[in-house]
Amino acid sequence: MKILVIDDDPAMTELLKLLLEPASSDVLTANTGPDGIFLAQSKKPDVIILDLMMPDMNGWQVCKAVREFSQVPILILSALDSPGLVAAALDAGADDYLIKPVPSSVLLAHLHNLVRRTRLSAGYNHAMATL
């Protein structure tokens, strides 16, 4: 599984990389929204972990930009715990929302679920197209 982590805090991206690499396969990191969008386009990750509060380009903007070219699953990982913000993130195109801090096992379970659903959906769509 190829995971792209987009968060303006380098300590957070490194921590997630250390937590996820042994359980996953490849973890890419970006510390700005534009860098994250570039990596999403060029590296085609299986799933994106995205922070909402970033200075240059916030997570809602990044999410909308990624949705212009990809349906990759996007999991918001944020310290913001407000039902209105969760709803806004999902409306912007996110697929899931977790609140920091989150146990690594829960994060991994959500990531695997998102990727599994996407692959099942892609297989179903391919099968329907061949009928």
C-alpha atoms as a PDB file:
ATOM      1  CA  MET A   1       0.000   0.000   0.000  1.00  0.00           C
ATOM      2  CA  LYS A   2       1.351   3.413  -0.992  1.00  0.00           C
ATOM      3  CA  ILE A   3       0.355   6.135   1.492  1.00  0.00           C
ATOM      4  CA  LEU A   4       0.790   9.876   1.003  1.00  0.00           C
ATOM      5  CA  VAL A   5       0.850  11.938   4.218  1.00  0.00           C
ATOM      6  CA  ILE A   6       0.238  15.683   3.800  1.00  0.00           C
ATOM      7  CA  ASP A   7       0.795  17.707   6.983  1.00  0.00           C
ATOM      8  CA  ASP A   8       2.607  21.001   7.546  1.00  0.00           C
ATOM      9  CA  ASP A   9       4.269  19.619  10.696  1.00  0.00           C
ATOM     10  CA  PRO A  10       7.453  17.706   9.728  1.00  0.00           C
ATOM     11  CA  ALA A  11       7.451  15.951  13.110  1.00  0.00           C
ATOM     12  CA  MET A  12       3.963  14.594  12.394  1.00  0.00           C
ATOM     13  CA  THR A  13       4.828  13.386   8.888  1.00  0.00           C
ATOM     14  CA  GLU A  14       7.955  11.656  10.227  1.00  0.00           C
ATOM     15  CA  LEU A  15       6.030  10.073  13.091  1.00  0.00           C
ATOM     16  CA  LEU A  16       3.367   8.751  10.727  1.00  0.00           C
ATOM     17  CA  LYS A  17       6.061   7.463   8.391  1.00  0.00           C
ATOM     18  CA  LEU A  18       7.736   5.595  11.271  1.00  0.00           C
ATOM     19  CA  LEU A  19       4.396   4.148  12.416  1.00  0.00           C
ATOM     20  CA  LEU A  20       3.059   3.193   8.999  1.00  0.00           C
ATOM     21  CA  GLU A  21       6.090   1.953   7.061  1.00  0.00           C
ATOM     22  CA  PRO A  22       6.519  -1.340   8.969  1.00  0.00           C
ATOM     23  CA  ALA A  23       2.821  -2.168   8.596  1.00  0.00           C
ATOM     24  CA  SER A  24       2.401  -0.828   5.065  1.00  0.00           C
ATOM     25  CA  SER A  25       4.861  -0.620   2.248  1.00  0.00           C
ATOM     26  CA  ASP A  26       5.635   2.858   0.991  1.00  0.00           C
ATOM     27  CA  VAL A  27       4.972   6.140   2.813  1.00  0.00           C
ATOM     28  CA  LEU A  28       5.455   9.430   0.974  1.00  0.00           C
ATOM     29  CA  THR A  29       5.340  12.741   2.834  1.00  0.00           C
ATOM     30  CA  ALA A  30       4.651  16.360   1.928  1.00  0.00           C
ATOM     31  CA  ASN A  31       4.729  19.366   4.238  1.00  0.00           C
ATOM     32  CA  THR A  32       2.783  21.772   1.999  1.00  0.00           C
ATOM     33  CA  GLY A  33      -0.487  21.507   0.134  1.00  0.00           C
ATOM     34  CA  PRO A  34       1.033  22.155  -3.315  1.00  0.00           C
ATOM     35  CA  ASP A  35       3.757  19.530  -2.720  1.00  0.00           C
ATOM     36  CA  GLY A  36       1.082  17.069  -1.631  1.00  0.00           C
ATOM     37  CA  ILE A  37      -0.993  17.703  -4.746  1.00  0.00           C
ATOM     38  CA  PHE A  38       2.089  17.220  -6.926  1.00  0.00           C
ATOM     39  CA  LEU A  39       2.898  13.892  -5.226  1.00  0.00           C
ATOM     40  CA  ALA A  40      -0.733  12.776  -5.491  1.00  0.00           C
ATOM     41  CA  GLN A  41      -0.594  13.384  -9.249  1.00  0.00           C
ATOM     42  CA  SER A  42       2.863  11.987  -9.916  1.00  0.00           C
ATOM     43  CA  LYS A  43       3.107   9.057  -7.477  1.00  0.00           C
ATOM     44  CA  LYS A  44      -0.523   7.887  -7.525  1.00  0.00           C
ATOM     45  CA  PRO A  45      -0.840   6.762  -3.889  1.00  0.00           C
ATOM     46  CA  ASP A  46      -3.410   4.199  -2.767  1.00  0.00           C
ATOM     47  CA  VAL A  47      -4.591   6.495   0.020  1.00  0.00           C
ATOM     48  CA  ILE A  48      -3.902  10.020   1.327  1.00  0.00           C
ATOM     49  CA  ILE A  49      -3.733  11.119   4.970  1.00  0.00           C
ATOM     50  CA  LEU A  50      -4.422  14.856   5.051  1.00  0.00           C
ATOM     51  CA  ASP A  51      -4.266  17.484   7.794  1.00  0.00           C
ATOM     52  CA  LEU A  52      -6.789  20.334   7.617  1.00  0.00           C
ATOM     53  CA  MET A  53      -4.908  23.192   9.252  1.00  0.00           C
ATOM     54  CA  MET A  54      -1.992  24.133   7.027  1.00  0.00           C
ATOM     55  CA  PRO A  55      -0.747  27.681   6.409  1.00  0.00           C
ATOM     56  CA  ASP A  56      -0.182  27.824   2.650  1.00  0.00           C
ATOM     57  CA  MET A  57      -3.153  25.815   1.420  1.00  0.00           C
ATOM     58  CA  ASN A  58      -5.574  24.239   3.874  1.00  0.00           C
ATOM     59  CA  GLY A  59      -6.784  20.652   3.781  1.00  0.00           C
ATOM     60  CA  TRP A  60     -10.165  21.531   2.295  1.00  0.00           C
ATOM     61  CA  GLN A  61      -8.420  23.232  -0.651  1.00  0.00           C
ATOM     62  CA  VAL A  62      -6.022  20.301  -1.089  1.00  0.00           C
ATOM     63  CA  CYS A  63      -8.900  17.842  -0.972  1.00  0.00           C
ATOM     64  CA  LYS A  64     -10.858  19.728  -3.634  1.00  0.00           C
ATOM     65  CA  ALA A  65      -7.760  20.032  -5.837  1.00  0.00           C
ATOM     66  CA  VAL A  66      -7.024  16.293  -5.616  1.00  0.00           C
ATOM     67  CA  ARG A  67     -10.658  15.509  -6.464  1.00  0.00           C
ATOM     68  CA  GLU A  68     -10.212  17.360  -9.762  1.00  0.00           C
ATOM     69  CA  PHE A  69      -7.935  14.569 -11.033  1.00  0.00           C
ATOM     70  CA  SER A  70      -8.310  11.563  -8.726  1.00  0.00           C
ATOM     71  CA  GLN A  71     -10.738   9.501  -6.659  1.00  0.00           C
ATOM     72  CA  VAL A  72      -7.966   8.257  -4.344  1.00  0.00           C
ATOM     73  CA  PRO A  73      -9.322   7.720  -0.817  1.00  0.00           C
ATOM     74  CA  ILE A  74      -8.590  10.686   1.453  1.00  0.00           C
ATOM     75  CA  LEU A  75      -8.518  10.302   5.221  1.00  0.00           C
ATOM     76  CA  ILE A  76      -8.516  13.542   7.191  1.00  0.00           C
ATOM     77  CA  LEU A  77      -6.380  13.316  10.331  1.00  0.00           C
ATOM     78  CA  SER A  78      -6.953  16.466  12.351  1.00  0.00           C
ATOM     79  CA  ALA A  79      -6.929  17.808  15.890  1.00  0.00           C
ATOM     80  CA  LEU A  80     -10.124  19.695  15.026  1.00  0.00           C
ATOM     81  CA  ASP A  81     -13.057  17.991  16.722  1.00  0.00           C
ATOM     82  CA  SER A  82     -16.155  19.769  15.497  1.00  0.00           C
ATOM     83  CA  PRO A  83     -19.111  18.116  13.741  1.00  0.00           C
ATOM     84  CA  GLY A  84     -19.356  21.080  11.375  1.00  0.00           C
ATOM     85  CA  LEU A  85     -15.707  20.751  10.331  1.00  0.00           C
ATOM     86  CA  VAL A  86     -16.056  17.004   9.873  1.00  0.00           C
ATOM     87  CA  ALA A  87     -19.079  17.585   7.642  1.00  0.00           C
ATOM     88  CA  ALA A  88     -17.231  20.280   5.663  1.00  0.00           C
ATOM     89  CA  ALA A  89     -14.273  17.957   5.090  1.00  0.00           C
ATOM     90  CA  LEU A  90     -16.522  15.145   3.898  1.00  0.00           C
ATOM     91  CA  ASP A  91     -18.397  17.590   1.648  1.00  0.00           C
ATOM     92  CA  ALA A  92     -15.046  18.701   0.181  1.00  0.00           C
ATOM     93  CA  GLY A  93     -14.428  15.120  -0.954  1.00  0.00           C
ATOM     94  CA  ALA A  94     -12.777  13.380   1.994  1.00  0.00           C
ATOM     95  CA  ASP A  95     -13.717   9.743   2.578  1.00  0.00           C
ATOM     96  CA  ASP A  96     -13.007   9.452   6.294  1.00  0.00           C
ATOM     97  CA  TYR A  97     -12.110  11.635   9.295  1.00  0.00           C
ATOM     98  CA  LEU A  98     -10.135  10.747  12.412  1.00  0.00           C
ATOM     99  CA  ILE A  99      -9.252  13.007  15.316  1.00  0.00           C
ATOM    100  CA  LYS A 100      -5.679  13.278  16.617  1.00  0.00           C
ATOM    101  CA  PRO A 101      -4.352  11.554  18.580  1.00  0.00           C
ATOM    102  CA  VAL A 102      -5.460   8.209  17.202  1.00  0.00           C
ATOM    103  CA  PRO A 103      -4.025   4.774  18.035  1.00  0.00           C
ATOM    104  CA  SER A 104      -1.896   3.491  15.166  1.00  0.00           C
ATOM    105  CA  SER A 105      -3.938   0.275  14.996  1.00  0.00           C
ATOM    106  CA  VAL A 106      -7.144   2.283  14.458  1.00  0.00           C
ATOM    107  CA  LEU A 107      -5.468   4.446  11.816  1.00  0.00           C
ATOM    108  CA  LEU A 108      -4.212   1.360   9.974  1.00  0.00           C
ATOM    109  CA  ALA A 109      -7.636  -0.285  10.134  1.00  0.00           C
ATOM    110  CA  HIS A 110      -9.252   2.809   8.585  1.00  0.00           C
ATOM    111  CA  LEU A 111      -6.578   2.986   5.863  1.00  0.00           C
ATOM    112  CA  HIS A 112      -6.943  -0.686   4.968  1.00  0.00           C
ATOM    113  CA  ASN A 113     -10.720  -0.329   4.886  1.00  0.00           C
ATOM    114  CA  LEU A 114     -10.547   2.648   2.511  1.00  0.00           C
ATOM    115  CA  VAL A 115      -8.120   0.909   0.158  1.00  0.00           C
ATOM    116  CA  ARG A 116     -10.100  -2.353   0.237  1.00  0.00           C
ATOM    117  CA  ARG A 117     -13.354  -0.537  -0.599  1.00  0.00           C
ATOM    118  CA  THR A 118     -11.676   1.327  -3.455  1.00  0.00           C
ATOM    119  CA  ARG A 119     -10.201  -1.838  -4.929  1.00  0.00           C
ATOM    120  CA  LEU A 120     -13.503  -3.708  -4.620  1.00  0.00           C
ATOM    121  CA  SER A 121     -15.310  -0.822  -6.301  1.00  0.00           C
ATOM    122  CA  ALA A 122     -12.728  -0.685  -9.097  1.00  0.00           C
ATOM    123  CA  GLY A 123     -13.059  -4.443  -9.650  1.00  0.00           C
ATOM    124  CA  TYR A 124     -16.848  -4.167  -9.740  1.00  0.00           C
ATOM    125  CA  ASN A 125     -16.714  -1.264 -12.215  1.00  0.00           C
ATOM    126  CA  HIS A 126     -14.270  -3.181 -14.422  1.00  0.00           C
ATOM    127  CA  ALA A 127     -16.476  -6.284 -14.353  1.00  0.00           C
ATOM    128  CA  MET A 128     -19.568  -4.225 -15.255  1.00  0.00           C
ATOM    129  CA  ALA A 129     -17.730  -2.555 -18.134  1.00  0.00           C
ATOM    130  CA  THR A 130     -16.864  -5.906 -19.662  1.00  0.00           C
ATOM    131  CA  LEU A 131     -20.489  -7.097 -19.708  1.00  0.00           C
END
